[in-house]
């Protein structure tokens, strides 16, 4: 099943850019899905069974490194370009 996941990360600290860049780099190392970047979020498009384990690991790594963070995640099975 193809999905799109729109992710926004808000580290609650003064040096907020570094955790965002590190999170995006974790996702960018994988070639099994498309990544689209914009100023407020990152969108990942691909197969559910490939995206979710990678996303789970990246979220855990980020929250461990920067526990005072907020993720806003929108997941859709039908809102992606074909």
PDB file of N, CA and C in Angstrom:
ATOM      1  N   UNK A   1       0.844  -1.171   0.000  1.00  0.00           N
ATOM      2  CA  UNK A   1       0.000   0.000   0.000  1.00  0.00           C
ATOM      3  C   UNK A   1       0.890   1.234   0.000  1.00  0.00           C
ATOM      4  N   UNK A   2       0.661   2.119  -0.959  1.00  0.00           N
ATOM      5  CA  UNK A   2       1.436   3.348  -1.068  1.00  0.00           C
ATOM      6  C   UNK A   2       0.850   4.408  -0.142  1.00  0.00           C
ATOM      7  N   UNK A   3       1.720   5.107   0.570  1.00  0.00           N
ATOM      8  CA  UNK A   3       1.295   6.152   1.498  1.00  0.00           C
ATOM      9  C   UNK A   3       2.148   7.401   1.320  1.00  0.00           C
ATOM     10  N   UNK A   4       1.658   8.489   1.869  1.00  0.00           N
ATOM     11  CA  UNK A   4       2.482   9.694   2.015  1.00  0.00           C
ATOM     12  C   UNK A   4       2.455  10.081   3.492  1.00  0.00           C
ATOM     13  N   UNK A   5       3.603  10.509   3.972  1.00  0.00           N
ATOM     14  CA  UNK A   5       3.738  10.918   5.366  1.00  0.00           C
ATOM     15  C   UNK A   5       4.339  12.315   5.374  1.00  0.00           C
ATOM     16  N   UNK A   6       3.606  13.259   5.927  1.00  0.00           N
ATOM     17  CA  UNK A   6       4.065  14.640   6.042  1.00  0.00           C
ATOM     18  C   UNK A   6       4.535  14.840   7.478  1.00  0.00           C
ATOM     19  N   UNK A   7       5.803  15.239   7.643  1.00  0.00           N
ATOM     20  CA  UNK A   7       6.421  15.297   8.967  1.00  0.00           C
ATOM     21  C   UNK A   7       6.967  16.695   9.226  1.00  0.00           C
ATOM     22  N   UNK A   8       6.588  17.261  10.359  1.00  0.00           N
ATOM     23  CA  UNK A   8       7.178  18.510  10.835  1.00  0.00           C
ATOM     24  C   UNK A   8       7.803  18.241  12.194  1.00  0.00           C
ATOM     25  N   UNK A   9       8.993  18.750  12.399  1.00  0.00           N
ATOM     26  CA  UNK A   9       9.715  18.586  13.662  1.00  0.00           C
ATOM     27  C   UNK A   9       9.968  19.958  14.257  1.00  0.00           C
ATOM     28  N   UNK A  10       9.620  20.098  15.526  1.00  0.00           N
ATOM     29  CA  UNK A  10       9.834  21.350  16.251  1.00  0.00           C
ATOM     30  C   UNK A  10      10.637  21.077  17.520  1.00  0.00           C
ATOM     31  N   UNK A  11      11.976  21.155  17.433  1.00  0.00           N
ATOM     32  CA  UNK A  11      12.790  21.023  18.641  1.00  0.00           C
ATOM     33  C   UNK A  11      12.575  22.256  19.527  1.00  0.00           C
ATOM     34  N   UNK A  12      12.286  22.034  20.777  1.00  0.00           N
ATOM     35  CA  UNK A  12      12.001  23.137  21.699  1.00  0.00           C
ATOM     36  C   UNK A  12      13.289  23.584  22.380  1.00  0.00           C
ATOM     37  N   UNK A  13      14.166  24.143  21.564  1.00  0.00           N
ATOM     38  CA  UNK A  13      15.462  24.633  22.039  1.00  0.00           C
ATOM     39  C   UNK A  13      15.943  25.722  21.089  1.00  0.00           C
ATOM     40  N   UNK A  14      16.908  26.499  21.553  1.00  0.00           N
ATOM     41  CA  UNK A  14      17.409  27.603  20.728  1.00  0.00           C
ATOM     42  C   UNK A  14      18.088  27.103  19.462  1.00  0.00           C
ATOM     43  N   UNK A  15      18.899  26.076  19.583  1.00  0.00           N
ATOM     44  CA  UNK A  15      19.591  25.505  18.424  1.00  0.00           C
ATOM     45  C   UNK A  15      18.676  24.459  17.782  1.00  0.00           C
ATOM     46  N   UNK A  16      17.650  24.935  17.095  1.00  0.00           N
ATOM     47  CA  UNK A  16      16.619  24.033  16.573  1.00  0.00           C
ATOM     48  C   UNK A  16      16.959  23.442  15.203  1.00  0.00           C
ATOM     49  N   UNK A  17      17.832  24.055  14.461  1.00  0.00           N
ATOM     50  CA  UNK A  17      18.115  23.587  13.095  1.00  0.00           C
ATOM     51  C   UNK A  17      18.855  22.252  13.062  1.00  0.00           C
ATOM     52  N   UNK A  18      19.803  22.064  13.966  1.00  0.00           N
ATOM     53  CA  UNK A  18      20.621  20.856  13.948  1.00  0.00           C
ATOM     54  C   UNK A  18      19.794  19.578  14.080  1.00  0.00           C
ATOM     55  N   UNK A  19      18.856  19.484  15.035  1.00  0.00           N
ATOM     56  CA  UNK A  19      18.042  18.265  15.107  1.00  0.00           C
ATOM     57  C   UNK A  19      17.174  18.033  13.871  1.00  0.00           C
ATOM     58  N   UNK A  20      16.698  19.102  13.267  1.00  0.00           N
ATOM     59  CA  UNK A  20      15.891  18.965  12.060  1.00  0.00           C
ATOM     60  C   UNK A  20      16.737  18.410  10.921  1.00  0.00           C
ATOM     61  N   UNK A  21      17.905  18.969  10.738  1.00  0.00           N
ATOM     62  CA  UNK A  21      18.802  18.499   9.683  1.00  0.00           C
ATOM     63  C   UNK A  21      19.203  17.046   9.926  1.00  0.00           C
ATOM     64  N   UNK A  22      19.508  16.701  11.166  1.00  0.00           N
ATOM     65  CA  UNK A  22      19.890  15.322  11.487  1.00  0.00           C
ATOM     66  C   UNK A  22      18.747  14.355  11.198  1.00  0.00           C
ATOM     67  N   UNK A  23      17.511  14.737  11.516  1.00  0.00           N
ATOM     68  CA  UNK A  23      16.356  13.881  11.253  1.00  0.00           C
ATOM     69  C   UNK A  23      16.182  13.667   9.750  1.00  0.00           C
ATOM     70  N   UNK A  24      16.240  14.737   8.986  1.00  0.00           N
ATOM     71  CA  UNK A  24      16.082  14.634   7.534  1.00  0.00           C
ATOM     72  C   UNK A  24      17.200  13.784   6.930  1.00  0.00           C
ATOM     73  N   UNK A  25      18.412  13.929   7.418  1.00  0.00           N
ATOM     74  CA  UNK A  25      19.528  13.121   6.914  1.00  0.00           C
ATOM     75  C   UNK A  25      19.310  11.634   7.179  1.00  0.00           C
ATOM     76  N   UNK A  26      18.710  11.303   8.320  1.00  0.00           N
ATOM     77  CA  UNK A  26      18.404   9.900   8.595  1.00  0.00           C
ATOM     78  C   UNK A  26      17.470   9.330   7.529  1.00  0.00           C
ATOM     79  N   UNK A  27      16.483  10.105   7.141  1.00  0.00           N
ATOM     80  CA  UNK A  27      15.545   9.655   6.119  1.00  0.00           C
ATOM     81  C   UNK A  27      16.186   9.622   4.736  1.00  0.00           C
ATOM     82  N   UNK A  28      17.023  10.597   4.449  1.00  0.00           N
ATOM     83  CA  UNK A  28      17.616  10.726   3.116  1.00  0.00           C
ATOM     84  C   UNK A  28      18.582   9.595   2.777  1.00  0.00           C
ATOM     85  N   UNK A  29      19.061   8.856   3.773  1.00  0.00           N
ATOM     86  CA  UNK A  29      19.977   7.737   3.509  1.00  0.00           C
ATOM     87  C   UNK A  29      19.292   6.556   2.851  1.00  0.00           C
ATOM     88  N   UNK A  30      17.979   6.587   2.763  1.00  0.00           N
ATOM     89  CA  UNK A  30      17.225   5.458   2.220  1.00  0.00           C
ATOM     90  C   UNK A  30      16.693   5.810   0.835  1.00  0.00           C
ATOM     91  N   UNK A  31      16.821   4.869  -0.066  1.00  0.00           N
ATOM     92  CA  UNK A  31      16.382   5.117  -1.443  1.00  0.00           C
ATOM     93  C   UNK A  31      15.084   4.393  -1.791  1.00  0.00           C
ATOM     94  N   UNK A  32      14.423   3.798  -0.819  1.00  0.00           N
ATOM     95  CA  UNK A  32      13.221   3.018  -1.096  1.00  0.00           C
ATOM     96  C   UNK A  32      11.954   3.871  -1.127  1.00  0.00           C
ATOM     97  N   UNK A  33      12.081   5.192  -0.954  1.00  0.00           N
ATOM     98  CA  UNK A  33      10.922   6.075  -1.023  1.00  0.00           C
ATOM     99  C   UNK A  33      11.343   7.444  -1.520  1.00  0.00           C
ATOM    100  N   UNK A  34      10.366   8.231  -1.950  1.00  0.00           N
ATOM    101  CA  UNK A  34      10.607   9.604  -2.395  1.00  0.00           C
ATOM    102  C   UNK A  34      10.569  10.537  -1.194  1.00  0.00           C
ATOM    103  N   UNK A  35      11.395  11.573  -1.229  1.00  0.00           N
ATOM    104  CA  UNK A  35      11.368  12.595  -0.189  1.00  0.00           C
ATOM    105  C   UNK A  35      11.207  13.956  -0.862  1.00  0.00           C
ATOM    106  N   UNK A  36      10.266  14.733  -0.354  1.00  0.00           N
ATOM    107  CA  UNK A  36      10.033  16.092  -0.833  1.00  0.00           C
ATOM    108  C   UNK A  36      10.215  17.031   0.354  1.00  0.00           C
ATOM    109  N   UNK A  37      11.011  18.075   0.144  1.00  0.00           N
ATOM    110  CA  UNK A  37      11.329  19.023   1.206  1.00  0.00           C
ATOM    111  C   UNK A  37      10.621  20.346   0.950  1.00  0.00           C
ATOM    112  N   UNK A  38      10.151  20.970   2.032  1.00  0.00           N
ATOM    113  CA  UNK A  38       9.707  22.355   1.937  1.00  0.00           C
ATOM    114  C   UNK A  38      10.059  23.060   3.240  1.00  0.00           C
ATOM    115  N   UNK A  39       9.678  24.295   3.374  1.00  0.00           N
ATOM    116  CA  UNK A  39      10.139  25.088   4.517  1.00  0.00           C
ATOM    117  C   UNK A  39       9.527  24.671   5.848  1.00  0.00           C
ATOM    118  N   UNK A  40       8.367  24.021   5.846  1.00  0.00           N
ATOM    119  CA  UNK A  40       7.701  23.681   7.105  1.00  0.00           C
ATOM    120  C   UNK A  40       7.623  22.177   7.380  1.00  0.00           C
ATOM    121  N   UNK A  41       7.883  21.348   6.375  1.00  0.00           N
ATOM    122  CA  UNK A  41       7.758  19.908   6.590  1.00  0.00           C
ATOM    123  C   UNK A  41       8.535  19.139   5.539  1.00  0.00           C
ATOM    124  N   UNK A  42       8.625  17.851   5.774  1.00  0.00           N
ATOM    125  CA  UNK A  42       9.218  16.914   4.831  1.00  0.00           C
ATOM    126  C   UNK A  42       8.156  15.865   4.536  1.00  0.00           C
ATOM    127  N   UNK A  43       7.983  15.525   3.262  1.00  0.00           N
ATOM    128  CA  UNK A  43       7.007  14.519   2.882  1.00  0.00           C
ATOM    129  C   UNK A  43       7.729  13.312   2.311  1.00  0.00           C
ATOM    130  N   UNK A  44       7.353  12.146   2.818  1.00  0.00           N
ATOM    131  CA  UNK A  44       7.918  10.879   2.373  1.00  0.00           C
ATOM    132  C   UNK A  44       6.801  10.112   1.671  1.00  0.00           C
ATOM    133  N   UNK A  45       7.094   9.575   0.485  1.00  0.00           N
ATOM    134  CA  UNK A  45       6.095   8.842  -0.293  1.00  0.00           C
ATOM    135  C   UNK A  45       6.680   7.491  -0.688  1.00  0.00           C
ATOM    136  N   UNK A  46       5.940   6.453  -0.394  1.00  0.00           N
ATOM    137  CA  UNK A  46       6.397   5.114  -0.750  1.00  0.00           C
ATOM    138  C   UNK A  46       5.512   4.044  -0.156  1.00  0.00           C
ATOM    139  N   UNK A  47       6.044   2.845  -0.070  1.00  0.00           N
ATOM    140  CA  UNK A  47       5.296   1.714   0.447  1.00  0.00           C
ATOM    141  C   UNK A  47       5.288   1.727   1.980  1.00  0.00           C
ATOM    142  N   UNK A  48       4.109   1.503   2.539  1.00  0.00           N
ATOM    143  CA  UNK A  48       3.920   1.525   3.992  1.00  0.00           C
ATOM    144  C   UNK A  48       4.931   0.644   4.713  1.00  0.00           C
ATOM    145  N   UNK A  49       5.087  -0.595   4.265  1.00  0.00           N
ATOM    146  CA  UNK A  49       5.960  -1.552   4.960  1.00  0.00           C
ATOM    147  C   UNK A  49       7.434  -1.169   4.887  1.00  0.00           C
ATOM    148  N   UNK A  50       7.807  -0.291   3.950  1.00  0.00           N
ATOM    149  CA  UNK A  50       9.193   0.182   3.872  1.00  0.00           C
ATOM    150  C   UNK A  50       9.390   1.461   4.685  1.00  0.00           C
ATOM    151  N   UNK A  51       8.420   2.346   4.652  1.00  0.00           N
ATOM    152  CA  UNK A  51       8.549   3.640   5.331  1.00  0.00           C
ATOM    153  C   UNK A  51       8.478   3.506   6.847  1.00  0.00           C
ATOM    154  N   UNK A  52       7.523   2.752   7.347  1.00  0.00           N
ATOM    155  CA  UNK A  52       7.237   2.767   8.783  1.00  0.00           C
ATOM    156  C   UNK A  52       8.411   2.317   9.664  1.00  0.00           C
ATOM    157  N   UNK A  53       9.138   1.243   9.347  1.00  0.00           N
ATOM    158  CA  UNK A  53      10.278   0.887  10.212  1.00  0.00           C
ATOM    159  C   UNK A  53      11.380   1.953  10.205  1.00  0.00           C
ATOM    160  N   UNK A  54      11.609   2.557   9.053  1.00  0.00           N
ATOM    161  CA  UNK A  54      12.635   3.608   8.950  1.00  0.00           C
ATOM    162  C   UNK A  54      12.197   4.836   9.736  1.00  0.00           C
ATOM    163  N   UNK A  55      10.934   5.192   9.597  1.00  0.00           N
ATOM    164  CA  UNK A  55      10.401   6.335  10.328  1.00  0.00           C
ATOM    165  C   UNK A  55      10.424   6.087  11.829  1.00  0.00           C
ATOM    166  N   UNK A  56      10.060   4.890  12.237  1.00  0.00           N
ATOM    167  CA  UNK A  56      10.080   4.534  13.660  1.00  0.00           C
ATOM    168  C   UNK A  56      11.485   4.707  14.245  1.00  0.00           C
ATOM    169  N   UNK A  57      12.499   4.240  13.534  1.00  0.00           N
ATOM    170  CA  UNK A  57      13.874   4.356  14.016  1.00  0.00           C
ATOM    171  C   UNK A  57      14.327   5.814  14.058  1.00  0.00           C
ATOM    172  N   UNK A  58      14.005   6.574  13.013  1.00  0.00           N
ATOM    173  CA  UNK A  58      14.416   7.979  12.963  1.00  0.00           C
ATOM    174  C   UNK A  58      13.737   8.799  14.066  1.00  0.00           C
ATOM    175  N   UNK A  59      12.464   8.520  14.333  1.00  0.00           N
ATOM    176  CA  UNK A  59      11.762   9.210  15.414  1.00  0.00           C
ATOM    177  C   UNK A  59      12.400   8.888  16.765  1.00  0.00           C
ATOM    178  N   UNK A  60      12.674   7.614  17.016  1.00  0.00           N
ATOM    179  CA  UNK A  60      13.277   7.209  18.290  1.00  0.00           C
ATOM    180  C   UNK A  60      14.649   7.839  18.478  1.00  0.00           C
ATOM    181  N   UNK A  61      15.454   7.846  17.437  1.00  0.00           N
ATOM    182  CA  UNK A  61      16.795   8.439  17.518  1.00  0.00           C
ATOM    183  C   UNK A  61      16.711   9.930  17.825  1.00  0.00           C
ATOM    184  N   UNK A  62      15.805  10.607  17.155  1.00  0.00           N
ATOM    185  CA  UNK A  62      15.655  12.056  17.357  1.00  0.00           C
ATOM    186  C   UNK A  62      15.132  12.370  18.752  1.00  0.00           C
ATOM    187  N   UNK A  63      14.136  11.637  19.194  1.00  0.00           N
ATOM    188  CA  UNK A  63      13.574  11.897  20.531  1.00  0.00           C
ATOM    189  C   UNK A  63      14.562  11.551  21.639  1.00  0.00           C
ATOM    190  N   UNK A  64      15.424  10.583  21.406  1.00  0.00           N
ATOM    191  CA  UNK A  64      16.461  10.268  22.395  1.00  0.00           C
ATOM    192  C   UNK A  64      17.490  11.401  22.461  1.00  0.00           C
ATOM    193  N   UNK A  65      17.883  11.919  21.310  1.00  0.00           N
ATOM    194  CA  UNK A  65      18.885  12.985  21.258  1.00  0.00           C
ATOM    195  C   UNK A  65      18.313  14.344  21.676  1.00  0.00           C
ATOM    196  N   UNK A  66      17.047  14.587  21.346  1.00  0.00           N
ATOM    197  CA  UNK A  66      16.395  15.866  21.629  1.00  0.00           C
ATOM    198  C   UNK A  66      15.011  15.590  22.202  1.00  0.00           C
ATOM    199  N   UNK A  67      14.942  15.203  23.476  1.00  0.00           N
ATOM    200  CA  UNK A  67      13.654  14.806  24.047  1.00  0.00           C
ATOM    201  C   UNK A  67      12.613  15.923  24.086  1.00  0.00           C
ATOM    202  N   UNK A  68      13.040  17.151  24.149  1.00  0.00           N
ATOM    203  CA  UNK A  68      12.095  18.274  24.165  1.00  0.00           C
ATOM    204  C   UNK A  68      11.784  18.670  22.719  1.00  0.00           C
ATOM    205  N   UNK A  69      11.112  17.771  22.007  1.00  0.00           N
ATOM    206  CA  UNK A  69      10.749  17.998  20.608  1.00  0.00           C
ATOM    207  C   UNK A  69       9.296  17.626  20.391  1.00  0.00           C
ATOM    208  N   UNK A  70       8.720  18.251  19.386  1.00  0.00           N
ATOM    209  CA  UNK A  70       7.357  17.933  18.991  1.00  0.00           C
ATOM    210  C   UNK A  70       7.386  17.522  17.516  1.00  0.00           C
ATOM    211  N   UNK A  71       6.796  16.369  17.209  1.00  0.00           N
ATOM    212  CA  UNK A  71       6.604  15.932  15.838  1.00  0.00           C
ATOM    213  C   UNK A  71       5.127  16.091  15.488  1.00  0.00           C
ATOM    214  N   UNK A  72       4.864  16.620  14.320  1.00  0.00           N
ATOM    215  CA  UNK A  72       3.514  16.641  13.758  1.00  0.00           C
ATOM    216  C   UNK A  72       3.595  15.738  12.528  1.00  0.00           C
ATOM    217  N   UNK A  73       2.797  14.663  12.530  1.00  0.00           N
ATOM    218  CA  UNK A  73       2.876  13.682  11.449  1.00  0.00           C
ATOM    219  C   UNK A  73       1.477  13.455  10.883  1.00  0.00           C
ATOM    220  N   UNK A  74       1.372  13.606   9.567  1.00  0.00           N
ATOM    221  CA  UNK A  74       0.132  13.315   8.854  1.00  0.00           C
ATOM    222  C   UNK A  74       0.410  12.161   7.906  1.00  0.00           C
ATOM    223  N   UNK A  75      -0.378  11.122   7.999  1.00  0.00           N
ATOM    224  CA  UNK A  75      -0.199   9.942   7.177  1.00  0.00           C
ATOM    225  C   UNK A  75      -1.446   9.737   6.333  1.00  0.00           C
ATOM    226  N   UNK A  76      -1.245   9.516   5.031  1.00  0.00           N
ATOM    227  CA  UNK A  76      -2.373   9.359   4.133  1.00  0.00           C
ATOM    228  C   UNK A  76      -2.145   8.207   3.167  1.00  0.00           C
ATOM    229  N   UNK A  77      -3.185   7.441   2.950  1.00  0.00           N
ATOM    230  CA  UNK A  77      -3.114   6.379   1.954  1.00  0.00           C
ATOM    231  C   UNK A  77      -3.549   6.831   0.577  1.00  0.00           C
ATOM    232  N   UNK A  78      -4.091   8.029   0.457  1.00  0.00           N
ATOM    233  CA  UNK A  78      -4.619   8.460  -0.825  1.00  0.00           C
ATOM    234  C   UNK A  78      -4.167   9.821  -1.300  1.00  0.00           C
ATOM    235  N   UNK A  79      -3.374  10.520  -0.527  1.00  0.00           N
ATOM    236  CA  UNK A  79      -2.962  11.883  -0.890  1.00  0.00           C
ATOM    237  C   UNK A  79      -1.514  11.917  -1.343  1.00  0.00           C
ATOM    238  N   UNK A  80      -1.236  11.245  -2.437  1.00  0.00           N
ATOM    239  CA  UNK A  80       0.120  11.260  -2.970  1.00  0.00           C
ATOM    240  C   UNK A  80       0.046  11.312  -4.483  1.00  0.00           C
ATOM    241  N   UNK A  81       1.030  11.946  -5.112  1.00  0.00           N
ATOM    242  CA  UNK A  81       1.038  11.974  -6.568  1.00  0.00           C
ATOM    243  C   UNK A  81       1.398  10.601  -7.129  1.00  0.00           C
ATOM    244  N   UNK A  82       0.760  10.194  -8.211  1.00  0.00           N
ATOM    245  CA  UNK A  82       1.092   8.903  -8.841  1.00  0.00           C
ATOM    246  C   UNK A  82       2.016   9.075 -10.008  1.00  0.00           C
TER     247      UNK A  82
END
